[in-house]
Protein backbone atom coordinates (compact mmCIF):
# COMPACT_ATOMS: atom_id res chain seq x y z
CA MET A 1 18.06 49.20 -148.03
CA LYS A 2 14.78 51.23 -147.97
CA VAL A 3 14.79 54.68 -146.40
CA PHE A 4 11.90 56.39 -145.31
CA LEU A 5 11.60 60.05 -143.54
CA HIS A 6 9.02 60.58 -140.82
CA ASN A 7 7.99 63.93 -139.71
CA LYS A 8 7.94 63.14 -135.97
CA ASP A 9 10.09 62.67 -132.98
CA ILE A 10 12.48 59.97 -133.50
CA ILE A 11 10.83 57.93 -130.17
CA ASP A 12 7.41 57.96 -132.20
CA VAL A 13 8.91 55.90 -135.20
CA THR A 14 7.05 52.56 -134.13
CA GLN A 15 8.23 51.29 -137.64
CA ALA A 16 11.69 50.47 -136.03
CA ASP A 17 13.28 47.81 -134.09
CA THR A 18 16.29 49.98 -133.05
CA ILE A 19 16.57 53.52 -131.79
CA VAL A 20 19.98 55.00 -132.79
CA LEU A 21 21.76 57.15 -130.49
CA PRO A 22 24.36 59.59 -131.09
CA VAL A 23 27.10 59.47 -128.35
CA ASP A 24 30.62 61.01 -127.98
CA GLY A 25 32.57 57.37 -127.85
CA SER A 26 35.18 58.65 -126.31
CA ALA A 27 33.92 58.12 -122.68
CA PRO A 28 31.06 57.35 -120.81
CA ASP A 29 28.55 59.88 -119.75
CA MET A 30 28.89 61.82 -123.07
CA GLU A 31 25.52 61.04 -124.96
CA GLY A 32 23.60 63.52 -127.44
CA ASN A 33 20.61 65.44 -127.08
CA VAL A 34 18.44 62.44 -128.80
CA ALA A 35 20.09 60.10 -126.54
CA ARG A 36 19.48 62.52 -123.05
CA ARG A 37 15.50 62.57 -124.44
CA PHE A 38 15.83 58.66 -124.47
CA LEU A 39 17.11 58.14 -121.17
CA ARG A 40 14.18 60.78 -119.57
CA LEU A 41 11.58 58.64 -121.58
CA VAL A 42 13.03 55.30 -119.69
CA GLU A 43 13.50 57.22 -116.70
CA LEU A 44 17.10 56.58 -116.14
CA ASP A 45 20.17 59.09 -115.33
CA SER A 46 22.78 57.35 -117.19
CA MET A 47 23.43 55.83 -120.34
CA ASP A 48 25.75 52.80 -118.32
CA ASP A 49 22.23 51.75 -117.72
CA LEU A 50 21.41 50.94 -120.92
CA TYR A 51 24.33 49.27 -121.79
CA ALA A 52 24.67 45.58 -121.73
CA PRO A 53 27.48 44.48 -121.80
CA PRO A 54 29.15 48.03 -121.32
CA PRO A 55 30.97 49.53 -124.11
CA SER A 56 34.89 49.44 -124.29
CA PHE A 57 35.74 53.25 -124.80
CA PRO A 58 36.80 54.94 -127.08
CA PHE A 59 34.53 53.61 -129.80
CA ASN A 60 34.21 56.61 -131.88
CA GLY A 61 33.62 55.93 -135.59
CA ARG A 62 31.97 52.58 -133.94
CA CYS A 63 28.94 51.81 -133.09
CA HIS A 64 27.80 49.81 -129.60
CA TRP A 65 24.71 47.76 -129.53
CA SER A 66 22.40 47.12 -126.85
CA ASP A 67 19.45 44.66 -126.36
CA ILE A 68 16.77 46.25 -124.42
CA GLU A 69 13.95 44.60 -125.43
CA GLY A 70 11.28 43.87 -122.94
CA GLU A 71 13.32 45.93 -119.95
CA PHE A 72 11.64 49.01 -120.63
CA PRO A 73 7.80 48.99 -121.12
CA GLU A 74 7.95 52.90 -122.09
CA THR A 75 9.28 52.29 -125.59
CA HIS A 76 8.66 49.98 -128.34
CA PHE A 77 12.13 49.49 -129.32
CA HIS A 78 14.03 46.29 -128.76
CA TYR A 79 17.73 47.50 -129.18
CA ILE A 80 19.78 50.66 -128.99
CA CYS A 81 22.68 51.27 -131.03
CA ALA A 82 24.80 53.95 -130.18
CA LEU A 83 26.97 55.85 -132.57
CA GLY A 84 30.20 57.29 -131.59
CA ILE A 85 29.90 60.39 -133.93
CA LEU A 86 30.16 63.35 -131.56
CA SER A 87 33.51 64.57 -130.14
CA HIS A 88 34.51 67.88 -128.55
CA LEU A 89 38.31 67.38 -129.57
CA PRO A 90 39.36 70.01 -132.18
CA ASP A 91 40.21 69.30 -135.74
CA VAL A 92 37.77 65.87 -135.37
CA ASP A 93 36.70 64.88 -138.95
CA HIS A 94 32.98 64.16 -138.18
CA ARG A 95 32.09 63.06 -141.63
CA ALA A 96 34.83 60.51 -141.34
CA MET A 97 33.44 58.97 -137.98
CA MET A 98 29.70 59.15 -138.89
CA ARG A 99 30.45 57.25 -142.30
CA SER A 100 32.30 54.93 -140.19
CA ALA A 101 30.33 54.17 -137.60
CA LEU A 102 27.03 54.12 -139.81
CA TYR A 103 28.93 51.55 -141.87
CA GLN A 104 29.93 49.57 -138.97
CA MET A 105 25.97 49.86 -137.85
CA PHE A 106 24.58 48.38 -141.22
CA GLU A 107 27.36 45.90 -141.60
CA GLU A 108 26.33 44.17 -138.06
CA ALA A 109 22.87 44.23 -138.67
CA GLU A 110 23.26 42.88 -142.03
CA ASN A 111 25.02 39.81 -140.60
CA GLY A 112 22.34 39.45 -137.80
CA ARG A 113 23.78 41.39 -134.91
CA MET A 114 20.68 42.96 -133.15
CA GLY A 115 18.08 44.96 -134.89
CA THR A 116 17.29 45.82 -138.72
CA ARG A 117 15.09 48.55 -138.67
CA PHE A 118 16.35 51.74 -137.48
CA ALA A 119 15.08 55.19 -136.12
CA CYS A 120 18.11 57.67 -136.59
CA PRO A 121 17.89 61.16 -136.34
CA VAL A 122 19.73 63.42 -138.79
CA LEU A 123 23.16 63.03 -137.33
CA SER A 124 24.57 66.63 -137.84
CA ALA A 125 26.61 65.82 -134.83
CA GLY A 126 24.77 68.84 -132.88
CA TRP A 127 25.98 71.89 -134.67
CA ARG A 128 29.00 70.41 -135.99
CA LEU A 129 27.42 69.61 -139.22
CA LYS A 130 25.11 71.19 -141.87
CA ALA A 131 21.96 69.11 -141.93
CA ILE A 132 21.66 68.47 -145.03
CA ASP A 133 25.19 67.14 -145.56
CA ALA A 134 24.78 65.05 -142.93
CA LEU A 135 21.48 63.58 -144.63
CA TYR A 136 23.58 63.28 -147.65
CA ILE A 137 26.26 61.13 -145.90
CA MET A 138 23.33 58.96 -144.36
CA LEU A 139 21.89 58.37 -147.40
CA ALA A 140 25.44 57.36 -149.20
CA GLU A 141 26.02 54.78 -146.33
CA ALA A 142 22.94 53.46 -147.02
CA GLU A 143 23.23 52.77 -150.78
CA ARG A 144 26.20 50.90 -149.89
CA PHE A 145 24.11 48.43 -148.70
CA ASN A 146 21.74 46.63 -151.36
CA THR A 147 19.56 44.68 -149.27
CA ASP A 148 15.68 44.78 -148.41
CA LYS A 149 16.49 43.36 -145.07
CA LEU A 150 17.78 46.65 -143.84
CA GLU A 151 15.06 49.94 -143.00
CA LEU A 152 16.49 53.28 -142.28
CA HIS A 153 14.13 55.58 -140.60
CA ILE A 154 15.15 58.78 -140.71
CA ALA A 155 13.32 61.53 -137.87
CA GLU A 156 12.66 65.23 -138.34
CA ARG A 157 10.57 66.60 -135.74
CA ASP A 158 11.10 70.45 -137.60
CA LYS A 159 8.41 70.86 -140.46
CA SER A 160 10.50 73.06 -142.76
CA ARG A 161 13.70 70.75 -142.20
CA TYR A 162 11.56 67.69 -142.97
CA ASP A 163 10.20 69.48 -146.26
CA MET A 164 13.73 70.22 -147.15
CA PHE A 165 14.77 66.61 -146.86
CA ARG A 166 11.84 65.16 -148.52
CA THR A 167 13.28 65.99 -151.85
CA SER A 168 16.23 64.26 -151.00
CA ILE A 169 14.31 60.83 -150.23
CA SER A 170 11.82 59.47 -152.65
């Protein structure tokens, strides 16, 4: 899998056909900051309006795809992939949930399900993981897929974090 790092907002990663939205997949309306920013961009109030078909909850540790091609002229993305990696429950292993959800997303994409070029934030689960640890987990999962068919475009707006991440992505 090809991996790229961008010093920009995830919404501005035009090389990708799929935006990855971290959510708490335990129940509806528990999206993360990136998902809320995307909802504002497409002028929606709820993730429920993006899902087609609606997800079966819970899906933490897994992903949920939706085809949005042509539905929202405010964005160039054709698909969303909601990753169930957040949790408000105590003692949850966010690293394991992230690995599992990323693996499922990449596997489904490799098998022809929805998009193949992902715009993804660093999946630190808000404050739950150190950003550099999250980046290494993401890179390890991407390495499991030895294909040129898939691309992971990691977006980081903060210049100092981008510079720190740049040393890990060649």
